[in-house]
Amino acid sequence: MGLAYEAFVDIWRLARKYRFQKLDDKRWEQFIADADKLLGRYRKTEAETLFRYLFKAVHDYYEQISV
């Protein structure tokens, strides 16, 4: 499969891991750390920008429900 597909799947799995629920401080830090580890897979590849855009969308969702 291509990197774009892998980026979509990784973001979906990340969001699913945190169950689309409000995150406390500890879970928020883990969420960011998990995303940073995933980003390492895509750095300096054609899929890096896509991964960052997808992560921003998921990040914004969690930020919005965690306020």
PDB file of N, CA and C in Angstrom:
ATOM      1  N   MET A   1       0.838  -1.181   0.000  1.00  0.00           N
ATOM      2  CA  MET A   1       0.000   0.000   0.000  1.00  0.00           C
ATOM      3  C   MET A   1       0.884   1.245   0.000  1.00  0.00           C
ATOM      4  N   GLY A   2       0.313   2.345  -0.419  1.00  0.00           N
ATOM      5  CA  GLY A   2       1.064   3.581  -0.482  1.00  0.00           C
ATOM      6  C   GLY A   2       1.137   4.303   0.847  1.00  0.00           C
ATOM      7  N   LEU A   3       2.045   5.241   0.905  1.00  0.00           N
ATOM      8  CA  LEU A   3       2.223   6.023   2.128  1.00  0.00           C
ATOM      9  C   LEU A   3       0.981   6.833   2.498  1.00  0.00           C
ATOM     10  N   ALA A   4       0.260   7.343   1.516  1.00  0.00           N
ATOM     11  CA  ALA A   4      -0.951   8.121   1.817  1.00  0.00           C
ATOM     12  C   ALA A   4      -1.960   7.246   2.558  1.00  0.00           C
ATOM     13  N   TYR A   5      -2.160   6.038   2.069  1.00  0.00           N
ATOM     14  CA  TYR A   5      -3.072   5.105   2.730  1.00  0.00           C
ATOM     15  C   TYR A   5      -2.600   4.819   4.153  1.00  0.00           C
ATOM     16  N   GLU A   6      -1.313   4.574   4.320  1.00  0.00           N
ATOM     17  CA  GLU A   6      -0.766   4.293   5.646  1.00  0.00           C
ATOM     18  C   GLU A   6      -0.971   5.473   6.596  1.00  0.00           C
ATOM     19  N   ALA A   7      -0.822   6.693   6.089  1.00  0.00           N
ATOM     20  CA  ALA A   7      -1.037   7.875   6.917  1.00  0.00           C
ATOM     21  C   ALA A   7      -2.488   7.937   7.390  1.00  0.00           C
ATOM     22  N   PHE A   8      -3.429   7.693   6.479  1.00  0.00           N
ATOM     23  CA  PHE A   8      -4.843   7.676   6.865  1.00  0.00           C
ATOM     24  C   PHE A   8      -5.105   6.623   7.938  1.00  0.00           C
ATOM     25  N   VAL A   9      -4.582   5.436   7.727  1.00  0.00           N
ATOM     26  CA  VAL A   9      -4.803   4.345   8.679  1.00  0.00           C
ATOM     27  C   VAL A   9      -4.171   4.668  10.023  1.00  0.00           C
ATOM     28  N   ASP A  10      -2.958   5.197  10.029  1.00  0.00           N
ATOM     29  CA  ASP A  10      -2.307   5.547  11.289  1.00  0.00           C
ATOM     30  C   ASP A  10      -3.089   6.607  12.058  1.00  0.00           C
ATOM     31  N   ILE A  11      -3.593   7.599  11.362  1.00  0.00           N
ATOM     32  CA  ILE A  11      -4.375   8.647  12.035  1.00  0.00           C
ATOM     33  C   ILE A  11      -5.672   8.049  12.578  1.00  0.00           C
ATOM     34  N   TRP A  12      -6.325   7.211  11.790  1.00  0.00           N
ATOM     35  CA  TRP A  12      -7.558   6.567  12.258  1.00  0.00           C
ATOM     36  C   TRP A  12      -7.286   5.741  13.513  1.00  0.00           C
ATOM     37  N   ARG A  13      -6.231   4.962  13.498  1.00  0.00           N
ATOM     38  CA  ARG A  13      -5.901   4.138  14.670  1.00  0.00           C
ATOM     39  C   ARG A  13      -5.568   4.992  15.887  1.00  0.00           C
ATOM     40  N   LEU A  14      -4.889   6.101  15.660  1.00  0.00           N
ATOM     41  CA  LEU A  14      -4.578   7.010  16.765  1.00  0.00           C
ATOM     42  C   LEU A  14      -5.867   7.557  17.373  1.00  0.00           C
ATOM     43  N   ALA A  15      -6.774   8.034  16.534  1.00  0.00           N
ATOM     44  CA  ALA A  15      -8.041   8.580  17.029  1.00  0.00           C
ATOM     45  C   ALA A  15      -8.852   7.488  17.733  1.00  0.00           C
ATOM     46  N   ARG A  16      -8.889   6.315  17.155  1.00  0.00           N
ATOM     47  CA  ARG A  16      -9.639   5.206  17.747  1.00  0.00           C
ATOM     48  C   ARG A  16      -9.046   4.790  19.092  1.00  0.00           C
ATOM     49  N   LYS A  17      -7.740   4.851  19.214  1.00  0.00           N
ATOM     50  CA  LYS A  17      -7.077   4.494  20.472  1.00  0.00           C
ATOM     51  C   LYS A  17      -7.581   5.360  21.618  1.00  0.00           C
ATOM     52  N   TYR A  18      -7.844   6.620  21.322  1.00  0.00           N
ATOM     53  CA  TYR A  18      -8.287   7.551  22.360  1.00  0.00           C
ATOM     54  C   TYR A  18      -9.807   7.679  22.398  1.00  0.00           C
ATOM     55  N   ARG A  19     -10.507   6.825  21.636  1.00  0.00           N
ATOM     56  CA  ARG A  19     -11.948   6.613  21.712  1.00  0.00           C
ATOM     57  C   ARG A  19     -12.803   7.858  21.493  1.00  0.00           C
ATOM     58  N   PHE A  20     -12.254   8.860  20.851  1.00  0.00           N
ATOM     59  CA  PHE A  20     -13.014  10.068  20.527  1.00  0.00           C
ATOM     60  C   PHE A  20     -13.656  10.674  21.772  1.00  0.00           C
ATOM     61  N   GLN A  21     -12.946  10.574  22.903  1.00  0.00           N
ATOM     62  CA  GLN A  21     -13.463  11.091  24.168  1.00  0.00           C
ATOM     63  C   GLN A  21     -12.566  12.203  24.689  1.00  0.00           C
ATOM     64  N   LYS A  22     -13.127  12.983  25.602  1.00  0.00           N
ATOM     65  CA  LYS A  22     -12.384  14.066  26.240  1.00  0.00           C
ATOM     66  C   LYS A  22     -11.110  13.501  26.872  1.00  0.00           C
ATOM     67  N   LEU A  23      -9.996  14.234  26.707  1.00  0.00           N
ATOM     68  CA  LEU A  23      -8.708  13.773  27.225  1.00  0.00           C
ATOM     69  C   LEU A  23      -8.302  14.606  28.436  1.00  0.00           C
ATOM     70  N   ASP A  24      -7.869  13.927  29.495  1.00  0.00           N
ATOM     71  CA  ASP A  24      -7.293  14.657  30.611  1.00  0.00           C
ATOM     72  C   ASP A  24      -5.844  14.995  30.258  1.00  0.00           C
ATOM     73  N   ASP A  25      -5.158  15.703  31.135  1.00  0.00           N
ATOM     74  CA  ASP A  25      -3.793  16.156  30.831  1.00  0.00           C
ATOM     75  C   ASP A  25      -2.846  14.999  30.512  1.00  0.00           C
ATOM     76  N   LYS A  26      -2.933  13.943  31.288  1.00  0.00           N
ATOM     77  CA  LYS A  26      -2.040  12.797  31.078  1.00  0.00           C
ATOM     78  C   LYS A  26      -2.307  12.147  29.719  1.00  0.00           C
ATOM     79  N   ARG A  27      -3.584  11.923  29.382  1.00  0.00           N
ATOM     80  CA  ARG A  27      -3.930  11.305  28.096  1.00  0.00           C
ATOM     81  C   ARG A  27      -3.585  12.233  26.935  1.00  0.00           C
ATOM     82  N   TRP A  28      -3.734  13.552  27.156  1.00  0.00           N
ATOM     83  CA  TRP A  28      -3.396  14.513  26.106  1.00  0.00           C
ATOM     84  C   TRP A  28      -1.909  14.420  25.777  1.00  0.00           C
ATOM     85  N   GLU A  29      -1.073  14.388  26.806  1.00  0.00           N
ATOM     86  CA  GLU A  29       0.371  14.276  26.587  1.00  0.00           C
ATOM     87  C   GLU A  29       0.718  12.982  25.862  1.00  0.00           C
ATOM     88  N   GLN A  30       0.049  11.888  26.210  1.00  0.00           N
ATOM     89  CA  GLN A  30       0.305  10.609  25.545  1.00  0.00           C
ATOM     90  C   GLN A  30      -0.151  10.659  24.093  1.00  0.00           C
ATOM     91  N   PHE A  31      -1.287  11.297  23.850  1.00  0.00           N
ATOM     92  CA  PHE A  31      -1.805  11.469  22.492  1.00  0.00           C
ATOM     93  C   PHE A  31      -0.781  12.191  21.613  1.00  0.00           C
ATOM     94  N   ILE A  32      -0.226  13.287  22.138  1.00  0.00           N
ATOM     95  CA  ILE A  32       0.772  14.055  21.395  1.00  0.00           C
ATOM     96  C   ILE A  32       2.037  13.223  21.177  1.00  0.00           C
ATOM     97  N   ALA A  33       2.470  12.506  22.199  1.00  0.00           N
ATOM     98  CA  ALA A  33       3.670  11.669  22.080  1.00  0.00           C
ATOM     99  C   ALA A  33       3.460  10.555  21.045  1.00  0.00           C
ATOM    100  N   ASP A  34       2.289   9.939  21.065  1.00  0.00           N
ATOM    101  CA  ASP A  34       1.994   8.890  20.078  1.00  0.00           C
ATOM    102  C   ASP A  34       2.009   9.457  18.664  1.00  0.00           C
ATOM    103  N   ALA A  35       1.426  10.633  18.491  1.00  0.00           N
ATOM    104  CA  ALA A  35       1.399  11.266  17.166  1.00  0.00           C
ATOM    105  C   ALA A  35       2.812  11.605  16.704  1.00  0.00           C
ATOM    106  N   ASP A  36       3.634  12.078  17.613  1.00  0.00           N
ATOM    107  CA  ASP A  36       5.006  12.427  17.251  1.00  0.00           C
ATOM    108  C   ASP A  36       5.782  11.183  16.799  1.00  0.00           C
ATOM    109  N   LYS A  37       5.555  10.062  17.467  1.00  0.00           N
ATOM    110  CA  LYS A  37       6.202   8.812  17.050  1.00  0.00           C
ATOM    111  C   LYS A  37       5.752   8.427  15.645  1.00  0.00           C
ATOM    112  N   LEU A  38       4.454   8.549  15.396  1.00  0.00           N
ATOM    113  CA  LEU A  38       3.931   8.228  14.063  1.00  0.00           C
ATOM    114  C   LEU A  38       4.505   9.168  13.009  1.00  0.00           C
ATOM    115  N   LEU A  39       4.605  10.429  13.339  1.00  0.00           N
ATOM    116  CA  LEU A  39       5.139  11.402  12.390  1.00  0.00           C
ATOM    117  C   LEU A  39       6.533  11.002  11.932  1.00  0.00           C
ATOM    118  N   GLY A  40       7.291  10.393  12.816  1.00  0.00           N
ATOM    119  CA  GLY A  40       8.632   9.932  12.451  1.00  0.00           C
ATOM    120  C   GLY A  40       8.637   9.012  11.245  1.00  0.00           C
ATOM    121  N   ARG A  41       7.559   8.260  11.055  1.00  0.00           N
ATOM    122  CA  ARG A  41       7.449   7.363   9.898  1.00  0.00           C
ATOM    123  C   ARG A  41       7.331   8.136   8.590  1.00  0.00           C
ATOM    124  N   TYR A  42       6.822   9.359   8.668  1.00  0.00           N
ATOM    125  CA  TYR A  42       6.497  10.105   7.452  1.00  0.00           C
ATOM    126  C   TYR A  42       7.416  11.300   7.194  1.00  0.00           C
ATOM    127  N   ARG A  43       8.303  11.596   8.136  1.00  0.00           N
ATOM    128  CA  ARG A  43       9.213  12.732   7.945  1.00  0.00           C
ATOM    129  C   ARG A  43      10.016  12.542   6.667  1.00  0.00           C
ATOM    130  N   LYS A  44      10.093  13.622   5.935  1.00  0.00           N
ATOM    131  CA  LYS A  44      10.870  13.672   4.692  1.00  0.00           C
ATOM    132  C   LYS A  44      10.368  12.676   3.639  1.00  0.00           C
ATOM    133  N   THR A  45       9.064  12.406   3.682  1.00  0.00           N
ATOM    134  CA  THR A  45       8.449  11.583   2.639  1.00  0.00           C
ATOM    135  C   THR A  45       7.360  12.408   1.970  1.00  0.00           C
ATOM    136  N   GLU A  46       6.816  11.871   0.912  1.00  0.00           N
ATOM    137  CA  GLU A  46       5.729  12.549   0.205  1.00  0.00           C
ATOM    138  C   GLU A  46       4.467  12.636   1.060  1.00  0.00           C
ATOM    139  N   ALA A  47       4.341  11.797   2.057  1.00  0.00           N
ATOM    140  CA  ALA A  47       3.130  11.759   2.886  1.00  0.00           C
ATOM    141  C   ALA A  47       3.215  12.621   4.140  1.00  0.00           C
ATOM    142  N   GLU A  48       4.340  13.280   4.372  1.00  0.00           N
ATOM    143  CA  GLU A  48       4.479  14.061   5.607  1.00  0.00           C
ATOM    144  C   GLU A  48       3.424  15.156   5.716  1.00  0.00           C
ATOM    145  N   THR A  49       3.227  15.917   4.672  1.00  0.00           N
ATOM    146  CA  THR A  49       2.252  17.007   4.727  1.00  0.00           C
ATOM    147  C   THR A  49       0.848  16.457   4.941  1.00  0.00           C
ATOM    148  N   LEU A  50       0.502  15.391   4.255  1.00  0.00           N
ATOM    149  CA  LEU A  50      -0.810  14.777   4.442  1.00  0.00           C
ATOM    150  C   LEU A  50      -0.986  14.332   5.887  1.00  0.00           C
ATOM    151  N   PHE A  51       0.016  13.667   6.445  1.00  0.00           N
ATOM    152  CA  PHE A  51      -0.073  13.223   7.832  1.00  0.00           C
ATOM    153  C   PHE A  51      -0.292  14.423   8.753  1.00  0.00           C
ATOM    154  N   ARG A  52       0.454  15.481   8.533  1.00  0.00           N
ATOM    155  CA  ARG A  52       0.311  16.671   9.382  1.00  0.00           C
ATOM    156  C   ARG A  52      -1.088  17.272   9.279  1.00  0.00           C
ATOM    157  N   TYR A  53      -1.652  17.341   8.080  1.00  0.00           N
ATOM    158  CA  TYR A  53      -3.007  17.868   7.912  1.00  0.00           C
ATOM    159  C   TYR A  53      -4.035  16.977   8.608  1.00  0.00           C
ATOM    160  N   LEU A  54      -3.903  15.686   8.433  1.00  0.00           N
ATOM    161  CA  LEU A  54      -4.834  14.763   9.078  1.00  0.00           C
ATOM    162  C   LEU A  54      -4.711  14.832  10.593  1.00  0.00           C
ATOM    163  N   PHE A  55      -3.469  14.887  11.071  1.00  0.00           N
ATOM    164  CA  PHE A  55      -3.281  14.983  12.522  1.00  0.00           C
ATOM    165  C   PHE A  55      -3.866  16.284  13.060  1.00  0.00           C
ATOM    166  N   LYS A  56      -3.689  17.377  12.337  1.00  0.00           N
ATOM    167  CA  LYS A  56      -4.244  18.659  12.794  1.00  0.00           C
ATOM    168  C   LYS A  56      -5.754  18.559  12.941  1.00  0.00           C
ATOM    169  N   ALA A  57      -6.415  17.915  12.004  1.00  0.00           N
ATOM    170  CA  ALA A  57      -7.868  17.761  12.088  1.00  0.00           C
ATOM    171  C   ALA A  57      -8.262  16.963  13.333  1.00  0.00           C
ATOM    172  N   VAL A  58      -7.570  15.863  13.592  1.00  0.00           N
ATOM    173  CA  VAL A  58      -7.875  15.043  14.764  1.00  0.00           C
ATOM    174  C   VAL A  58      -7.502  15.801  16.036  1.00  0.00           C
ATOM    175  N   HIS A  59      -6.367  16.459  16.030  1.00  0.00           N
ATOM    176  CA  HIS A  59      -5.929  17.269  17.172  1.00  0.00           C
ATOM    177  C   HIS A  59      -6.968  18.326  17.498  1.00  0.00           C
ATOM    178  N   ASP A  60      -7.437  19.037  16.495  1.00  0.00           N
ATOM    179  CA  ASP A  60      -8.443  20.090  16.706  1.00  0.00           C
ATOM    180  C   ASP A  60      -9.730  19.515  17.286  1.00  0.00           C
ATOM    181  N   TYR A  61     -10.126  18.334  16.837  1.00  0.00           N
ATOM    182  CA  TYR A  61     -11.317  17.691  17.370  1.00  0.00           C
ATOM    183  C   TYR A  61     -11.131  17.424  18.867  1.00  0.00           C
ATOM    184  N   TYR A  62     -10.023  16.799  19.241  1.00  0.00           N
ATOM    185  CA  TYR A  62      -9.797  16.496  20.648  1.00  0.00           C
ATOM    186  C   TYR A  62      -9.661  17.769  21.478  1.00  0.00           C
ATOM    187  N   GLU A  63      -9.038  18.769  20.926  1.00  0.00           N
ATOM    188  CA  GLU A  63      -8.907  20.034  21.636  1.00  0.00           C
ATOM    189  C   GLU A  63     -10.291  20.638  21.892  1.00  0.00           C
ATOM    190  N   GLN A  64     -11.139  20.585  20.906  1.00  0.00           N
ATOM    191  CA  GLN A  64     -12.481  21.152  21.019  1.00  0.00           C
ATOM    192  C   GLN A  64     -13.325  20.423  22.075  1.00  0.00           C
ATOM    193  N   ILE A  65     -13.271  19.098  22.099  1.00  0.00           N
ATOM    194  CA  ILE A  65     -14.095  18.376  23.080  1.00  0.00           C
ATOM    195  C   ILE A  65     -13.462  18.353  24.471  1.00  0.00           C
ATOM    196  N   SER A  66     -12.200  18.716  24.577  1.00  0.00           N
ATOM    197  CA  SER A  66     -11.524  18.686  25.872  1.00  0.00           C
ATOM    198  C   SER A  66     -11.552  20.017  26.601  1.00  0.00           C
ATOM    199  N   VAL A  67     -12.201  20.998  26.027  1.00  0.00           N
ATOM    200  CA  VAL A  67     -12.275  22.320  26.666  1.00  0.00           C
ATOM    201  C   VAL A  67     -13.323  22.317  27.734  1.00  0.00           C
TER     202      VAL A  67
END
